[in-house]
Protein backbone atom coordinates (compact mmCIF):
# COMPACT_ATOMS: atom_id res chain seq x y z
CA MET A 1 121.50 -58.47 -61.56
CA LYS A 2 118.73 -58.51 -63.61
CA SER A 3 120.49 -58.94 -67.02
CA PHE A 4 122.68 -61.80 -65.41
CA LYS A 5 119.42 -63.81 -64.39
CA SER A 6 118.14 -63.13 -67.76
CA GLY A 7 121.21 -64.28 -69.39
CA ILE A 8 121.29 -67.54 -67.26
CA ILE A 9 117.70 -68.00 -68.35
CA VAL A 10 118.48 -67.89 -71.92
CA GLY A 11 121.46 -69.84 -71.78
CA ILE A 12 119.38 -72.68 -70.00
CA LEU A 13 117.18 -72.45 -72.51
CA SER A 14 119.36 -72.42 -75.33
CA SER A 15 121.39 -75.40 -74.05
CA ALA A 16 118.01 -77.50 -73.50
CA ALA A 17 116.77 -76.63 -77.41
CA LEU A 18 120.57 -77.54 -78.47
CA ALA A 19 120.37 -81.10 -77.02
CA ALA A 20 116.64 -81.39 -78.09
CA ALA A 21 117.97 -80.67 -81.63
CA THR A 22 121.24 -82.69 -81.46
CA ALA A 23 118.73 -86.00 -80.12
CA LEU A 24 116.21 -85.17 -82.87
CA SER A 25 118.94 -85.39 -85.56
CA TYR A 26 120.59 -88.68 -84.26
CA ARG A 27 117.59 -90.33 -84.58
CA HIS A 28 116.65 -89.35 -87.52
CA THR A 29 120.17 -90.05 -88.85
CA ILE A 30 121.24 -92.96 -87.22
CA ILE A 31 118.21 -94.86 -85.54
CA LYS A 32 115.58 -94.45 -88.31
CA PRO A 33 117.81 -95.88 -91.24
CA ALA A 34 118.90 -98.94 -89.00
CA GLN A 35 115.40 -99.67 -88.47
CA GLN A 36 114.19 -99.19 -91.60
CA ALA A 37 117.18 -101.78 -92.84
CA GLU A 38 116.02 -104.13 -90.35
CA GLU A 39 112.59 -104.22 -91.06
CA HIS A 40 113.65 -104.81 -94.99
CA HIS A 41 116.12 -107.40 -94.01
CA GLU A 42 113.08 -109.24 -92.34
CA GLU A 43 110.51 -108.78 -94.69
CA VAL A 44 113.01 -109.96 -97.64
CA SER A 45 114.23 -112.92 -95.28
CA LYS A 46 110.51 -113.89 -94.88
CA GLN A 47 109.85 -114.10 -98.84
CA ALA A 48 112.80 -116.45 -99.03
CA ILE A 49 111.65 -118.68 -96.58
CA ARG A 50 108.12 -118.84 -98.31
CA ARG A 51 109.75 -119.38 -101.83
CA SER A 52 112.26 -122.04 -100.40
CA VAL A 53 109.61 -124.02 -99.16
CA ALA A 54 107.36 -123.51 -102.38
CA ALA A 55 110.33 -124.79 -104.27
CA HIS A 56 111.26 -127.74 -102.54
CA GLN A 57 107.33 -129.02 -102.11
CA SER A 58 106.58 -132.11 -103.68
CA ARG A 59 103.75 -132.15 -106.25
CA TYR A 60 102.64 -135.75 -105.39
């Protein structure tokens, strides 16, 4: 009975570790690149707006 309990505990701990590793991997491969792309898009958009405003301002 003692080995059954230790097997259950090891199984639960390994399942929890696997779930945590999967979540971290998903965040690293899917979520982070999407956030970085969004930040880059916003930065480029702001620069484009500034250039557009500067190009269309009157000198007089």
